[in-house]
N, C-alpha and C. Protein backbone atom coordinates (compact mmCIF):
# COMPACT_ATOMS: atom_id res chain seq x y z
N MET A 1 12.24 -14.11 -57.06
CA MET A 1 11.66 -14.05 -55.72
C MET A 1 10.29 -14.72 -55.76
N THR A 2 10.05 -15.56 -54.79
CA THR A 2 8.77 -16.26 -54.73
C THR A 2 7.73 -15.39 -54.03
N LYS A 3 6.50 -15.58 -54.43
CA LYS A 3 5.41 -14.83 -53.82
C LYS A 3 5.02 -15.52 -52.50
N ARG A 4 5.06 -14.76 -51.42
CA ARG A 4 4.66 -15.30 -50.11
C ARG A 4 3.26 -14.79 -49.79
N ASN A 5 2.53 -15.60 -49.05
CA ASN A 5 1.21 -15.10 -48.68
C ASN A 5 1.35 -14.13 -47.50
N LEU A 6 0.34 -13.33 -47.31
CA LEU A 6 0.39 -12.26 -46.31
C LEU A 6 0.56 -12.81 -44.90
N ARG A 7 -0.09 -13.90 -44.60
CA ARG A 7 0.04 -14.50 -43.27
C ARG A 7 1.49 -14.88 -43.00
N ASP A 8 2.14 -15.52 -43.97
CA ASP A 8 3.54 -15.91 -43.80
C ASP A 8 4.45 -14.69 -43.64
N ARG A 9 4.18 -13.65 -44.42
CA ARG A 9 4.98 -12.43 -44.30
C ARG A 9 4.84 -11.82 -42.90
N CYS A 10 3.63 -11.81 -42.39
CA CYS A 10 3.40 -11.26 -41.05
C CYS A 10 4.14 -12.08 -39.99
N ILE A 11 4.11 -13.39 -40.15
CA ILE A 11 4.81 -14.26 -39.20
C ILE A 11 6.32 -14.04 -39.28
N GLU A 12 6.85 -13.97 -40.49
CA GLU A 12 8.29 -13.73 -40.65
C GLU A 12 8.70 -12.37 -40.10
N PHE A 13 7.83 -11.38 -40.29
CA PHE A 13 8.08 -10.05 -39.74
C PHE A 13 8.14 -10.10 -38.22
N SER A 14 7.23 -10.83 -37.63
CA SER A 14 7.22 -10.98 -36.18
C SER A 14 8.50 -11.66 -35.69
N ILE A 15 8.92 -12.70 -36.37
CA ILE A 15 10.14 -13.42 -35.98
C ILE A 15 11.36 -12.51 -36.08
N LEU A 16 11.42 -11.72 -37.14
CA LEU A 16 12.53 -10.76 -37.30
C LEU A 16 12.58 -9.81 -36.10
N ASN A 17 11.43 -9.32 -35.70
CA ASN A 17 11.38 -8.37 -34.58
C ASN A 17 11.56 -9.03 -33.22
N ILE A 18 11.27 -10.30 -33.13
CA ILE A 18 11.59 -11.03 -31.90
C ILE A 18 13.11 -11.07 -31.72
N LYS A 19 13.83 -11.29 -32.81
CA LYS A 19 15.30 -11.29 -32.75
C LYS A 19 15.83 -9.94 -32.27
N ILE A 20 15.27 -8.88 -32.83
CA ILE A 20 15.69 -7.54 -32.42
C ILE A 20 15.30 -7.30 -30.97
N GLY A 21 14.06 -7.64 -30.63
CA GLY A 21 13.55 -7.42 -29.28
C GLY A 21 14.33 -8.17 -28.21
N LYS A 22 14.72 -9.41 -28.52
CA LYS A 22 15.48 -10.20 -27.54
C LYS A 22 16.79 -9.51 -27.17
N THR A 23 17.45 -8.93 -28.14
CA THR A 23 18.69 -8.20 -27.87
C THR A 23 18.42 -6.98 -27.00
N LEU A 24 17.34 -6.28 -27.29
CA LEU A 24 17.00 -5.09 -26.52
C LEU A 24 16.63 -5.43 -25.08
N ILE A 25 15.96 -6.56 -24.90
CA ILE A 25 15.54 -6.97 -23.56
C ILE A 25 16.75 -7.27 -22.67
N GLU A 26 17.84 -7.68 -23.26
CA GLU A 26 19.04 -8.00 -22.48
C GLU A 26 19.69 -6.76 -21.87
N GLN A 27 19.37 -5.58 -22.36
CA GLN A 27 19.94 -4.34 -21.84
C GLN A 27 18.88 -3.62 -21.02
N GLU A 28 19.22 -3.24 -19.84
CA GLU A 28 18.24 -2.64 -18.93
C GLU A 28 17.56 -1.41 -19.51
N PHE A 29 18.33 -0.51 -20.14
CA PHE A 29 17.75 0.74 -20.61
C PHE A 29 16.83 0.57 -21.82
N SER A 30 16.92 -0.55 -22.53
CA SER A 30 16.08 -0.74 -23.71
C SER A 30 15.08 -1.89 -23.56
N LYS A 31 15.00 -2.43 -22.37
CA LYS A 31 14.14 -3.60 -22.11
C LYS A 31 12.68 -3.35 -22.51
N SER A 32 12.12 -2.22 -22.12
CA SER A 32 10.70 -1.97 -22.39
C SER A 32 10.44 -1.85 -23.90
N PHE A 33 11.40 -1.29 -24.63
CA PHE A 33 11.23 -1.19 -26.08
C PHE A 33 11.29 -2.57 -26.74
N GLY A 34 12.12 -3.45 -26.21
CA GLY A 34 12.19 -4.82 -26.72
C GLY A 34 10.86 -5.54 -26.56
N HIS A 35 10.29 -5.42 -25.37
CA HIS A 35 8.99 -6.07 -25.12
C HIS A 35 7.89 -5.47 -26.01
N GLN A 36 7.88 -4.15 -26.12
CA GLN A 36 6.87 -3.47 -26.94
C GLN A 36 6.99 -3.86 -28.40
N LEU A 37 8.22 -3.91 -28.91
CA LEU A 37 8.44 -4.28 -30.30
C LEU A 37 7.93 -5.70 -30.58
N ILE A 38 8.22 -6.60 -29.68
CA ILE A 38 7.77 -7.98 -29.86
C ILE A 38 6.24 -8.05 -29.87
N ARG A 39 5.59 -7.36 -28.93
CA ARG A 39 4.12 -7.39 -28.86
C ARG A 39 3.48 -6.79 -30.11
N SER A 40 3.92 -5.59 -30.46
CA SER A 40 3.25 -4.90 -31.57
C SER A 40 3.53 -5.56 -32.92
N SER A 41 4.70 -6.15 -33.08
CA SER A 41 5.01 -6.78 -34.38
C SER A 41 4.38 -8.16 -34.52
N ALA A 42 4.01 -8.79 -33.42
CA ALA A 42 3.33 -10.09 -33.49
C ALA A 42 1.83 -9.93 -33.73
N SER A 43 1.28 -8.83 -33.32
CA SER A 43 -0.16 -8.59 -33.41
C SER A 43 -0.72 -8.66 -34.84
N PRO A 44 -0.05 -8.10 -35.85
CA PRO A 44 -0.62 -8.18 -37.20
C PRO A 44 -0.85 -9.61 -37.68
N ALA A 45 0.07 -10.52 -37.41
CA ALA A 45 -0.11 -11.91 -37.83
C ALA A 45 -1.32 -12.52 -37.14
N LEU A 46 -1.47 -12.25 -35.87
CA LEU A 46 -2.59 -12.82 -35.11
C LEU A 46 -3.93 -12.24 -35.56
N ASN A 47 -3.97 -10.93 -35.73
CA ASN A 47 -5.23 -10.29 -36.15
C ASN A 47 -5.58 -10.61 -37.60
N TYR A 48 -4.59 -10.71 -38.45
CA TYR A 48 -4.86 -11.08 -39.84
C TYR A 48 -5.45 -12.49 -39.91
N SER A 49 -4.90 -13.39 -39.11
CA SER A 49 -5.43 -14.76 -39.10
C SER A 49 -6.89 -14.78 -38.66
N GLU A 50 -7.23 -13.95 -37.69
CA GLU A 50 -8.62 -13.87 -37.25
C GLU A 50 -9.51 -13.27 -38.33
N ALA A 51 -9.00 -12.25 -39.01
CA ALA A 51 -9.78 -11.62 -40.08
C ALA A 51 -10.03 -12.59 -41.22
N LYS A 52 -9.08 -13.45 -41.50
CA LYS A 52 -9.23 -14.43 -42.57
C LYS A 52 -10.37 -15.42 -42.28
N SER A 53 -10.65 -15.65 -41.01
CA SER A 53 -11.73 -16.57 -40.67
C SER A 53 -12.97 -15.80 -40.19
N ALA A 54 -13.09 -14.58 -40.66
CA ALA A 54 -14.21 -13.73 -40.24
C ALA A 54 -15.54 -14.35 -40.63
N GLU A 55 -16.48 -14.25 -39.72
CA GLU A 55 -17.82 -14.80 -39.95
C GLU A 55 -18.77 -13.75 -40.54
N SER A 56 -18.39 -12.50 -40.43
CA SER A 56 -19.19 -11.43 -41.02
C SER A 56 -18.26 -10.29 -41.42
N HIS A 57 -18.82 -9.34 -42.14
CA HIS A 57 -18.01 -8.19 -42.57
C HIS A 57 -17.56 -7.35 -41.39
N LYS A 58 -18.32 -7.38 -40.30
CA LYS A 58 -17.91 -6.65 -39.10
C LYS A 58 -16.60 -7.18 -38.54
N ASP A 59 -16.35 -8.47 -38.72
CA ASP A 59 -15.13 -9.09 -38.19
C ASP A 59 -13.87 -8.59 -38.90
N PHE A 60 -14.05 -7.90 -40.01
CA PHE A 60 -12.87 -7.39 -40.71
C PHE A 60 -12.21 -6.23 -39.96
N HIS A 61 -12.81 -5.80 -38.83
CA HIS A 61 -12.15 -4.75 -38.04
C HIS A 61 -10.78 -5.21 -37.55
N LYS A 62 -10.54 -6.51 -37.57
CA LYS A 62 -9.23 -7.05 -37.18
C LYS A 62 -8.14 -6.54 -38.12
N LEU A 63 -8.50 -6.25 -39.37
CA LEU A 63 -7.53 -5.68 -40.30
C LEU A 63 -7.09 -4.29 -39.84
N SER A 64 -8.03 -3.51 -39.33
CA SER A 64 -7.65 -2.17 -38.85
C SER A 64 -6.79 -2.25 -37.60
N ILE A 65 -7.03 -3.25 -36.77
CA ILE A 65 -6.18 -3.45 -35.59
C ILE A 65 -4.78 -3.83 -36.03
N ALA A 66 -4.68 -4.71 -37.00
CA ALA A 66 -3.36 -5.11 -37.52
C ALA A 66 -2.62 -3.90 -38.08
N LEU A 67 -3.33 -3.04 -38.79
CA LEU A 67 -2.72 -1.84 -39.35
C LEU A 67 -2.23 -0.90 -38.25
N LYS A 68 -3.04 -0.71 -37.22
CA LYS A 68 -2.62 0.13 -36.08
C LYS A 68 -1.35 -0.42 -35.43
N GLU A 69 -1.30 -1.72 -35.27
CA GLU A 69 -0.13 -2.35 -34.64
C GLU A 69 1.12 -2.21 -35.52
N LEU A 70 0.94 -2.28 -36.83
CA LEU A 70 2.08 -2.07 -37.73
C LEU A 70 2.60 -0.64 -37.62
N ARG A 71 1.69 0.31 -37.52
CA ARG A 71 2.13 1.71 -37.38
C ARG A 71 2.82 1.92 -36.03
N GLU A 72 2.34 1.25 -35.01
CA GLU A 72 2.99 1.32 -33.70
C GLU A 72 4.39 0.71 -33.77
N THR A 73 4.50 -0.41 -34.46
CA THR A 73 5.80 -1.06 -34.64
C THR A 73 6.75 -0.13 -35.37
N LEU A 74 6.27 0.55 -36.40
CA LEU A 74 7.12 1.46 -37.17
C LEU A 74 7.65 2.58 -36.28
N THR A 75 6.80 3.13 -35.43
CA THR A 75 7.24 4.18 -34.51
C THR A 75 8.26 3.65 -33.52
N CYS A 76 8.02 2.46 -33.00
CA CYS A 76 8.95 1.83 -32.06
C CYS A 76 10.31 1.62 -32.73
N LEU A 77 10.30 1.13 -33.96
CA LEU A 77 11.55 0.93 -34.70
C LEU A 77 12.29 2.25 -34.91
N GLU A 78 11.54 3.30 -35.18
CA GLU A 78 12.16 4.61 -35.39
C GLU A 78 12.82 5.11 -34.11
N ILE A 79 12.17 4.94 -32.98
CA ILE A 79 12.76 5.33 -31.70
C ILE A 79 14.02 4.53 -31.42
N ILE A 80 13.95 3.23 -31.66
CA ILE A 80 15.11 2.35 -31.45
C ILE A 80 16.27 2.78 -32.35
N GLN A 81 15.96 3.07 -33.60
CA GLN A 81 17.00 3.48 -34.55
C GLN A 81 17.63 4.82 -34.16
N LYS A 82 16.79 5.81 -33.91
CA LYS A 82 17.30 7.16 -33.62
C LYS A 82 18.06 7.23 -32.30
N SER A 83 17.71 6.38 -31.35
CA SER A 83 18.41 6.37 -30.07
C SER A 83 19.63 5.46 -30.08
N LYS A 84 19.80 4.75 -31.20
CA LYS A 84 20.94 3.83 -31.37
C LYS A 84 20.97 2.73 -30.30
N MET A 85 19.79 2.26 -29.92
CA MET A 85 19.68 1.17 -28.94
C MET A 85 20.14 -0.16 -29.49
N TYR A 86 19.95 -0.34 -30.79
CA TYR A 86 20.20 -1.65 -31.39
C TYR A 86 21.48 -1.59 -32.24
N PRO A 87 22.39 -2.56 -32.05
CA PRO A 87 23.71 -2.50 -32.68
C PRO A 87 23.77 -2.89 -34.17
N GLU A 88 22.70 -3.44 -34.74
CA GLU A 88 22.75 -3.91 -36.13
C GLU A 88 21.80 -3.09 -37.01
N PRO A 89 22.30 -1.98 -37.58
CA PRO A 89 21.42 -1.12 -38.38
C PRO A 89 20.83 -1.81 -39.61
N ASP A 90 21.53 -2.80 -40.17
CA ASP A 90 21.00 -3.49 -41.35
C ASP A 90 19.74 -4.29 -41.03
N LEU A 91 19.73 -4.93 -39.87
CA LEU A 91 18.55 -5.69 -39.46
C LEU A 91 17.37 -4.75 -39.19
N LEU A 92 17.66 -3.61 -38.57
CA LEU A 92 16.61 -2.61 -38.34
C LEU A 92 16.05 -2.12 -39.67
N LYS A 93 16.94 -1.87 -40.63
CA LYS A 93 16.50 -1.39 -41.94
C LYS A 93 15.60 -2.42 -42.61
N THR A 94 15.97 -3.69 -42.52
CA THR A 94 15.15 -4.76 -43.08
C THR A 94 13.75 -4.73 -42.46
N SER A 95 13.70 -4.55 -41.15
CA SER A 95 12.41 -4.50 -40.46
C SER A 95 11.61 -3.27 -40.88
N PHE A 96 12.27 -2.12 -41.02
CA PHE A 96 11.61 -0.90 -41.48
C PHE A 96 10.98 -1.10 -42.85
N VAL A 97 11.75 -1.65 -43.77
CA VAL A 97 11.26 -1.86 -45.14
C VAL A 97 10.05 -2.78 -45.14
N GLU A 98 10.16 -3.89 -44.43
CA GLU A 98 9.04 -4.85 -44.39
C GLU A 98 7.82 -4.24 -43.71
N CYS A 99 8.03 -3.49 -42.67
CA CYS A 99 6.91 -2.85 -41.97
C CYS A 99 6.18 -1.88 -42.90
N ASN A 100 6.92 -1.08 -43.63
CA ASN A 100 6.30 -0.14 -44.57
C ASN A 100 5.54 -0.88 -45.67
N GLU A 101 6.11 -1.97 -46.17
CA GLU A 101 5.42 -2.75 -47.19
C GLU A 101 4.14 -3.38 -46.65
N LEU A 102 4.22 -3.90 -45.43
CA LEU A 102 3.03 -4.49 -44.82
C LEU A 102 1.94 -3.44 -44.58
N ILE A 103 2.35 -2.26 -44.17
CA ILE A 103 1.37 -1.18 -43.98
C ILE A 103 0.66 -0.89 -45.30
N ALA A 104 1.40 -0.79 -46.38
CA ALA A 104 0.81 -0.52 -47.69
C ALA A 104 -0.17 -1.64 -48.09
N ILE A 105 0.21 -2.87 -47.83
CA ILE A 105 -0.65 -4.02 -48.15
C ILE A 105 -1.94 -3.97 -47.33
N PHE A 106 -1.81 -3.70 -46.03
CA PHE A 106 -3.00 -3.67 -45.17
C PHE A 106 -3.91 -2.50 -45.52
N VAL A 107 -3.35 -1.37 -45.90
CA VAL A 107 -4.18 -0.24 -46.33
C VAL A 107 -4.99 -0.65 -47.56
N LYS A 108 -4.32 -1.30 -48.50
CA LYS A 108 -5.02 -1.77 -49.71
C LYS A 108 -6.10 -2.80 -49.36
N CYS A 109 -5.78 -3.71 -48.45
CA CYS A 109 -6.78 -4.70 -48.00
C CYS A 109 -8.00 -4.03 -47.41
N MET A 110 -7.78 -3.01 -46.60
CA MET A 110 -8.90 -2.30 -45.95
C MET A 110 -9.75 -1.59 -46.99
N ILE A 111 -9.10 -0.96 -47.97
CA ILE A 111 -9.84 -0.26 -49.03
C ILE A 111 -10.70 -1.26 -49.80
N THR A 112 -10.11 -2.39 -50.14
CA THR A 112 -10.84 -3.43 -50.87
C THR A 112 -11.99 -4.00 -50.04
N ALA A 113 -11.73 -4.27 -48.76
CA ALA A 113 -12.78 -4.81 -47.89
C ALA A 113 -13.94 -3.84 -47.75
N LYS A 114 -13.63 -2.55 -47.61
CA LYS A 114 -14.70 -1.55 -47.49
C LYS A 114 -15.50 -1.44 -48.79
N ARG A 115 -14.78 -1.46 -49.91
CA ARG A 115 -15.46 -1.38 -51.21
C ARG A 115 -16.38 -2.59 -51.41
N ASN A 116 -15.88 -3.78 -51.07
CA ASN A 116 -16.67 -4.98 -51.25
C ASN A 116 -17.86 -5.04 -50.29
N SER A 117 -17.69 -4.54 -49.08
CA SER A 117 -18.81 -4.56 -48.13
C SER A 117 -19.90 -3.58 -48.53
N SER A 118 -19.55 -2.50 -49.18
CA SER A 118 -20.57 -1.52 -49.60
C SER A 118 -21.39 -2.09 -50.77
N ARG A 119 -20.84 -3.02 -51.51
CA ARG A 119 -21.58 -3.64 -52.62
C ARG A 119 -22.64 -4.61 -52.10
N ILE A 120 -22.40 -5.18 -50.94
CA ILE A 120 -23.31 -6.17 -50.38
C ILE A 120 -24.53 -5.51 -49.77
N ILE A 121 -24.34 -4.36 -49.17
CA ILE A 121 -25.42 -3.68 -48.44
C ILE A 121 -26.40 -3.04 -49.36
């Protein structure tokens, strides 16, 4: 397995959830969950990209926003799974696994960023 950078993983995660979301949007009863899933799963890639070009340590708050959005995505996926809105459980499982891994990575990034910022002050 090749090592992917975090930005690429976030983008691929977003694309995976766009596929799931598009199917949900086609059904009236799950439309709002499809839109929410797409929004929340795209946010980590966007916020991580902004954090990477941070001009100061304060700009790293974008990492915490990305983490919040990942947790929101995880909850949305859980609701979709438990309500059986989405017909492909394997694709949902793939998204769950990646979301949990990304959460762990972002938590570690935040710990490291906080530790490094305390050394500067």
